[in-house]
Amino acid sequence: MKFKLYAFLTTLLFLSNGYLFGEGEDVLPPPDQSFWQTLVMIGIAFLFFYVILWRPEQKRRKALEDQRSALKKGDRVVAMGIIGTVVRLGEQTVIVKMYDGAKLEFYKAAITDILPEADENDKKVELLSEDQ
């Protein structure tokens, strides 16, 4: 039984590879490009993706992480579109006070932007607009 199986598989192997050694129209011509040309094109594609996509994203992510680590009490932040002032900092979370006095707790990773400090003229305009 085993001998018949081995004989069948060996015959099948030789028959399937037989057309590769033949000289006929079935044989494919060698490709025009060499292996090195293909390798160079793949390298250029990787370089393009690194320079255009991956590296700027790494820089942006690092800058945002640096901003998050430099957070301090009193900073104005934007977290998921909500603007507020940092009241308390935790290891992973931040408590932010909203305009109406409500306090929300966010993960530091949810903070998308840190707003610059408003100067005195902006604060006066905000106070005047609140009174009306």
C-alpha atoms as a PDB file:
ATOM      1  CA  MET A   1       0.000   0.000   0.000  1.00  0.00           C
ATOM      2  CA  LYS A   2       2.751   2.455   0.971  1.00  0.00           C
ATOM      3  CA  PHE A   3       4.804   1.517  -2.075  1.00  0.00           C
ATOM      4  CA  LYS A   4       1.917   2.292  -4.414  1.00  0.00           C
ATOM      5  CA  LEU A   5       1.375   5.671  -2.738  1.00  0.00           C
ATOM      6  CA  TYR A   6       5.073   6.577  -2.994  1.00  0.00           C
ATOM      7  CA  ALA A   7       5.186   5.416  -6.621  1.00  0.00           C
ATOM      8  CA  PHE A   8       2.121   7.497  -7.453  1.00  0.00           C
ATOM      9  CA  LEU A   9       3.476  10.621  -5.735  1.00  0.00           C
ATOM     10  CA  THR A  10       6.893  10.227  -7.395  1.00  0.00           C
ATOM     11  CA  THR A  11       5.299   9.836 -10.824  1.00  0.00           C
ATOM     12  CA  LEU A  12       3.100  12.854 -10.181  1.00  0.00           C
ATOM     13  CA  LEU A  13       6.131  14.892  -9.143  1.00  0.00           C
ATOM     14  CA  PHE A  14       8.077  14.042 -12.288  1.00  0.00           C
ATOM     15  CA  LEU A  15       5.099  14.623 -14.566  1.00  0.00           C
ATOM     16  CA  SER A  16       4.253  17.999 -13.006  1.00  0.00           C
ATOM     17  CA  ASN A  17       7.847  19.261 -13.316  1.00  0.00           C
ATOM     18  CA  GLY A  18       8.369  17.823 -16.788  1.00  0.00           C
ATOM     19  CA  TYR A  19       6.938  20.816 -18.617  1.00  0.00           C
ATOM     20  CA  LEU A  20       9.427  23.152 -16.936  1.00  0.00           C
ATOM     21  CA  PHE A  21      12.356  21.482 -18.682  1.00  0.00           C
ATOM     22  CA  GLY A  22      10.741  21.451 -22.103  1.00  0.00           C
ATOM     23  CA  GLU A  23      11.651  23.813 -24.903  1.00  0.00           C
ATOM     24  CA  GLY A  24       8.349  25.143 -26.110  1.00  0.00           C
ATOM     25  CA  GLU A  25       5.878  27.972 -26.043  1.00  0.00           C
ATOM     26  CA  ASP A  26       4.763  27.062 -22.542  1.00  0.00           C
ATOM     27  CA  VAL A  27       8.053  28.260 -21.044  1.00  0.00           C
ATOM     28  CA  LEU A  28       7.872  31.831 -19.735  1.00  0.00           C
ATOM     29  CA  PRO A  29      10.555  34.267 -20.875  1.00  0.00           C
ATOM     30  CA  PRO A  30      12.820  35.704 -18.176  1.00  0.00           C
ATOM     31  CA  PRO A  31      11.546  38.949 -16.684  1.00  0.00           C
ATOM     32  CA  ASP A  32      12.948  42.216 -17.991  1.00  0.00           C
ATOM     33  CA  GLN A  33      13.617  43.600 -14.515  1.00  0.00           C
ATOM     34  CA  SER A  34      16.310  42.199 -12.321  1.00  0.00           C
ATOM     35  CA  PHE A  35      15.874  41.376  -8.657  1.00  0.00           C
ATOM     36  CA  TRP A  36      17.841  44.467  -7.636  1.00  0.00           C
ATOM     37  CA  GLN A  37      15.566  46.833  -9.530  1.00  0.00           C
ATOM     38  CA  THR A  38      12.562  45.397  -7.728  1.00  0.00           C
ATOM     39  CA  LEU A  39      14.345  45.641  -4.393  1.00  0.00           C
ATOM     40  CA  VAL A  40      15.264  49.288  -5.039  1.00  0.00           C
ATOM     41  CA  MET A  41      11.643  50.136  -5.915  1.00  0.00           C
ATOM     42  CA  ILE A  42      10.403  48.514  -2.704  1.00  0.00           C
ATOM     43  CA  GLY A  43      13.054  50.451  -0.767  1.00  0.00           C
ATOM     44  CA  ILE A  44      11.948  53.723  -2.351  1.00  0.00           C
ATOM     45  CA  ALA A  45       8.329  52.949  -1.436  1.00  0.00           C
ATOM     46  CA  PHE A  46       9.295  52.288   2.192  1.00  0.00           C
ATOM     47  CA  LEU A  47      11.351  55.481   2.289  1.00  0.00           C
ATOM     48  CA  PHE A  48       8.423  57.448   0.864  1.00  0.00           C
ATOM     49  CA  PHE A  49       5.999  56.080   3.468  1.00  0.00           C
ATOM     50  CA  TYR A  50       8.483  56.738   6.265  1.00  0.00           C
ATOM     51  CA  VAL A  51       9.221  60.332   5.244  1.00  0.00           C
ATOM     52  CA  ILE A  52       5.689  61.322   4.261  1.00  0.00           C
ATOM     53  CA  LEU A  53       3.523  59.391   6.720  1.00  0.00           C
ATOM     54  CA  TRP A  54       5.243  57.704   9.635  1.00  0.00           C
ATOM     55  CA  ARG A  55       7.866  60.255  10.708  1.00  0.00           C
ATOM     56  CA  PRO A  56       5.570  63.307  10.879  1.00  0.00           C
ATOM     57  CA  GLU A  57       3.048  61.264  12.854  1.00  0.00           C
ATOM     58  CA  GLN A  58       5.771  60.216  15.309  1.00  0.00           C
ATOM     59  CA  LYS A  59       6.843  63.847  15.752  1.00  0.00           C
ATOM     60  CA  ARG A  60       3.254  64.995  16.303  1.00  0.00           C
ATOM     61  CA  ARG A  61       2.610  62.211  18.820  1.00  0.00           C
ATOM     62  CA  LYS A  62       5.850  62.975  20.710  1.00  0.00           C
ATOM     63  CA  ALA A  63       5.042  66.703  20.875  1.00  0.00           C
ATOM     64  CA  LEU A  64       1.550  65.963  22.202  1.00  0.00           C
ATOM     65  CA  GLU A  65       2.962  63.538  24.776  1.00  0.00           C
ATOM     66  CA  ASP A  66       5.460  66.199  25.905  1.00  0.00           C
ATOM     67  CA  GLN A  67       2.610  68.701  26.281  1.00  0.00           C
ATOM     68  CA  ARG A  68       0.577  66.215  28.307  1.00  0.00           C
ATOM     69  CA  SER A  69       3.484  65.461  30.618  1.00  0.00           C
ATOM     70  CA  ALA A  70       4.050  69.201  31.179  1.00  0.00           C
ATOM     71  CA  LEU A  71       0.452  69.805  32.298  1.00  0.00           C
ATOM     72  CA  LYS A  72       0.024  71.774  35.478  1.00  0.00           C
ATOM     73  CA  LYS A  73      -2.842  73.047  37.579  1.00  0.00           C
ATOM     74  CA  GLY A  74      -4.573  76.024  35.956  1.00  0.00           C
ATOM     75  CA  ASP A  75      -3.814  75.114  32.326  1.00  0.00           C
ATOM     76  CA  ARG A  76      -6.673  75.461  29.853  1.00  0.00           C
ATOM     77  CA  VAL A  77      -7.113  72.264  27.864  1.00  0.00           C
ATOM     78  CA  VAL A  78      -9.335  70.767  25.185  1.00  0.00           C
ATOM     79  CA  ALA A  79     -10.442  67.201  25.861  1.00  0.00           C
ATOM     80  CA  MET A  80     -12.732  65.606  23.256  1.00  0.00           C
ATOM     81  CA  GLY A  81     -13.961  69.055  22.228  1.00  0.00           C
ATOM     82  CA  ILE A  82     -14.659  70.178  25.804  1.00  0.00           C
ATOM     83  CA  ILE A  83     -12.725  73.220  26.993  1.00  0.00           C
ATOM     84  CA  GLY A  84     -11.862  73.525  30.653  1.00  0.00           C
ATOM     85  CA  THR A  85      -9.237  74.343  33.251  1.00  0.00           C
ATOM     86  CA  VAL A  86      -7.120  71.701  34.965  1.00  0.00           C
ATOM     87  CA  VAL A  87      -8.023  71.462  38.651  1.00  0.00           C
ATOM     88  CA  ARG A  88      -6.175  68.320  39.702  1.00  0.00           C
ATOM     89  CA  LEU A  89      -3.628  66.011  38.094  1.00  0.00           C
ATOM     90  CA  GLY A  90      -3.447  62.293  38.719  1.00  0.00           C
ATOM     91  CA  GLU A  91      -1.134  59.598  37.423  1.00  0.00           C
ATOM     92  CA  GLN A  92      -3.382  58.661  34.482  1.00  0.00           C
ATOM     93  CA  THR A  93      -6.264  61.141  34.785  1.00  0.00           C
ATOM     94  CA  VAL A  94      -6.944  64.853  34.961  1.00  0.00           C
ATOM     95  CA  ILE A  95      -9.895  66.625  36.592  1.00  0.00           C
ATOM     96  CA  VAL A  96     -11.053  69.533  34.449  1.00  0.00           C
ATOM     97  CA  LYS A  97     -13.397  72.319  35.567  1.00  0.00           C
ATOM     98  CA  MET A  98     -15.824  73.551  32.925  1.00  0.00           C
ATOM     99  CA  TYR A  99     -17.179  77.057  32.370  1.00  0.00           C
ATOM    100  CA  ASP A 100     -20.340  76.390  34.412  1.00  0.00           C
ATOM    101  CA  GLY A 101     -18.390  74.935  37.346  1.00  0.00           C
ATOM    102  CA  ALA A 102     -18.918  71.273  36.551  1.00  0.00           C
ATOM    103  CA  LYS A 103     -15.915  69.028  37.017  1.00  0.00           C
ATOM    104  CA  LEU A 104     -15.114  66.093  34.742  1.00  0.00           C
ATOM    105  CA  GLU A 105     -12.386  63.495  34.979  1.00  0.00           C
ATOM    106  CA  PHE A 106     -10.538  62.615  31.773  1.00  0.00           C
ATOM    107  CA  TYR A 107      -7.671  60.350  30.882  1.00  0.00           C
ATOM    108  CA  LYS A 108      -4.580  62.341  29.968  1.00  0.00           C
ATOM    109  CA  ALA A 109      -4.651  60.621  26.584  1.00  0.00           C
ATOM    110  CA  ALA A 110      -8.039  62.266  25.872  1.00  0.00           C
ATOM    111  CA  ILE A 111      -6.503  65.751  25.988  1.00  0.00           C
ATOM    112  CA  THR A 112      -6.071  66.866  22.398  1.00  0.00           C
ATOM    113  CA  ASP A 113      -4.763  70.398  22.870  1.00  0.00           C
ATOM    114  CA  ILE A 114      -3.431  72.772  25.496  1.00  0.00           C
ATOM    115  CA  LEU A 115      -4.642  76.312  24.972  1.00  0.00           C
ATOM    116  CA  PRO A 116      -2.289  79.254  25.453  1.00  0.00           C
ATOM    117  CA  GLU A 117      -2.808  81.497  28.437  1.00  0.00           C
ATOM    118  CA  ALA A 118      -5.265  84.310  27.787  1.00  0.00           C
ATOM    119  CA  ASP A 119      -3.852  87.768  28.379  1.00  0.00           C
ATOM    120  CA  GLU A 120      -5.564  90.329  30.640  1.00  0.00           C
ATOM    121  CA  ASN A 121      -7.523  91.994  27.795  1.00  0.00           C
ATOM    122  CA  ASP A 122      -9.077  88.666  26.782  1.00  0.00           C
ATOM    123  CA  LYS A 123     -10.041  87.946  30.386  1.00  0.00           C
ATOM    124  CA  LYS A 124     -11.737  91.354  30.702  1.00  0.00           C
ATOM    125  CA  VAL A 125     -13.691  90.763  27.495  1.00  0.00           C
ATOM    126  CA  GLU A 126     -14.799  87.352  28.783  1.00  0.00           C
ATOM    127  CA  LEU A 127     -15.936  88.851  32.094  1.00  0.00           C
ATOM    128  CA  LEU A 128     -17.870  91.608  30.328  1.00  0.00           C
ATOM    129  CA  SER A 129     -19.589  89.128  28.034  1.00  0.00           C
ATOM    130  CA  GLU A 130     -20.570  86.971  31.031  1.00  0.00           C
ATOM    131  CA  ASP A 131     -22.362  89.881  32.697  1.00  0.00           C
ATOM    132  CA  GLN A 132     -24.605  90.554  29.702  1.00  0.00           C
END
